[in-house]
Protein backbone atom coordinates (compact mmCIF):
# COMPACT_ATOMS: atom_id res chain seq x y z
CA UNK A 1 90.30 86.25 85.10
CA UNK A 2 89.14 89.84 86.38
CA UNK A 3 88.97 90.97 89.94
CA UNK A 4 88.50 94.41 89.94
CA UNK A 5 85.16 96.28 89.56
CA UNK A 6 83.80 97.94 86.36
CA UNK A 7 83.98 101.63 86.41
CA UNK A 8 80.64 102.94 86.22
CA UNK A 9 78.39 105.49 87.96
CA UNK A 10 77.96 102.86 90.91
CA UNK A 11 81.69 102.56 91.30
CA UNK A 12 82.20 106.34 91.67
CA UNK A 13 79.42 106.50 94.22
CA UNK A 14 81.04 103.67 96.39
CA UNK A 15 84.49 105.43 95.95
CA UNK A 16 83.28 108.79 97.18
CA UNK A 17 81.49 106.83 100.09
CA UNK A 18 84.62 104.87 100.89
CA UNK A 19 86.79 108.15 100.88
CA UNK A 20 84.56 109.88 103.16
CA UNK A 21 84.16 107.12 105.37
CA UNK A 22 88.03 106.79 105.42
CA UNK A 23 88.24 110.28 106.93
CA UNK A 24 85.43 109.48 109.68
CA UNK A 25 87.03 106.12 110.71
CA UNK A 26 90.54 107.85 110.87
CA UNK A 27 89.28 110.38 112.94
CA UNK A 28 87.18 108.20 115.13
CA UNK A 29 90.33 106.14 116.11
CA UNK A 30 92.96 108.97 116.21
CA UNK A 31 90.72 111.77 117.76
CA UNK A 32 87.46 110.26 119.30
CA UNK A 33 89.01 107.34 121.01
CA UNK A 34 92.33 109.34 121.44
CA UNK A 35 94.83 106.81 120.50
CA UNK A 36 96.76 109.06 118.53
CA UNK A 37 97.64 109.06 114.53
CA UNK A 38 100.52 106.84 114.92
CA UNK A 39 98.75 103.86 116.54
CA UNK A 40 95.72 104.60 114.40
CA UNK A 41 97.87 104.36 111.40
CA UNK A 42 99.36 101.14 112.37
CA UNK A 43 95.85 99.61 112.99
CA UNK A 44 94.26 100.74 109.65
CA UNK A 45 97.61 99.88 107.56
CA UNK A 46 97.22 96.48 109.15
CA UNK A 47 93.43 96.16 108.16
CA UNK A 48 94.63 97.35 104.62
CA UNK A 49 97.35 94.76 104.51
CA UNK A 50 94.96 91.84 105.56
CA UNK A 51 92.40 92.90 102.97
CA UNK A 52 95.03 93.24 100.20
CA UNK A 53 96.53 90.05 100.53
CA UNK A 54 92.89 88.42 100.47
CA UNK A 55 92.27 90.58 97.33
CA UNK A 56 95.50 89.34 95.73
CA UNK A 57 94.87 85.62 96.49
CA UNK A 58 91.35 85.86 95.07
CA UNK A 59 90.83 84.20 91.57
CA UNK A 60 87.73 86.14 90.85
CA UNK A 61 85.86 89.46 91.61
CA UNK A 62 84.20 89.60 95.14
CA UNK A 63 82.41 92.94 95.26
CA UNK A 64 82.56 92.83 99.26
CA UNK A 65 86.28 92.02 99.35
CA UNK A 66 87.25 94.48 96.61
CA UNK A 67 85.48 97.29 98.22
CA UNK A 68 86.92 96.52 101.70
CA UNK A 69 90.42 97.01 99.94
CA UNK A 70 89.30 100.24 98.85
CA UNK A 71 87.75 101.23 102.08
CA UNK A 72 90.68 100.30 103.97
CA UNK A 73 93.11 102.07 101.73
CA UNK A 74 90.96 105.40 102.33
CA UNK A 75 90.98 104.83 105.89
CA UNK A 76 94.88 104.10 106.21
CA UNK A 77 95.82 106.79 103.87
CA UNK A 78 93.92 109.30 105.49
CA UNK A 79 95.06 108.63 108.93
CA UNK A 80 98.71 108.45 107.74
CA UNK A 81 98.33 111.73 106.03
CA UNK A 82 97.06 113.27 109.19
CA UNK A 83 100.03 111.58 111.05
CA UNK A 84 102.61 113.47 108.75
CA UNK A 85 100.83 116.64 108.98
CA UNK A 86 99.85 117.00 112.62
CA UNK A 87 101.95 114.48 114.53
CA UNK A 88 105.32 115.12 112.70
CA UNK A 89 104.33 118.65 111.80
CA UNK A 90 105.39 118.36 108.08
CA UNK A 91 102.42 120.40 106.88
CA UNK A 92 100.33 119.96 103.79
CA UNK A 93 103.14 120.98 101.41
CA UNK A 94 105.83 118.86 102.61
CA UNK A 95 103.49 115.90 103.13
CA UNK A 96 102.23 116.29 99.49
CA UNK A 97 105.54 116.48 98.30
CA UNK A 98 106.80 113.22 99.93
CA UNK A 99 103.46 111.51 98.63
CA UNK A 100 103.90 112.73 95.14
CA UNK A 101 107.42 111.49 94.92
CA UNK A 102 106.35 107.98 96.15
CA UNK A 103 103.52 108.04 93.68
CA UNK A 104 106.18 108.84 90.85
CA UNK A 105 108.56 106.28 92.25
CA UNK A 106 105.84 103.48 91.89
CA UNK A 107 104.53 104.60 88.71
CA UNK A 108 108.29 104.66 87.28
CA UNK A 109 108.85 101.08 88.64
CA UNK A 110 105.74 99.57 87.11
CA UNK A 111 106.23 97.32 84.26
CA UNK A 112 104.24 98.56 80.99
CA UNK A 113 101.24 96.16 80.32
């Protein structure tokens, strides 16, 4: 039972497009629609959680659902990093340190498979 995409050239093309769209969508909400980084982060994090739960409940691979999770990850992550840098004023160095620390905590907590 596999519900993730195979890592091929198509995977990386989709990943690059999703990441780029993440930057655009985050800026659309926060800057173009002028609702700010905090509200944009909440909105996009909500979409991410919805798609993530749907993906986790799925028993098989659905390409649209899978890539929706990737896309919402990119949009939420980009907007949250902009919030940390621009609204909280942490800057890129402190924001990166916080995110790297979070990644290391998650990796340390993951069981070996």
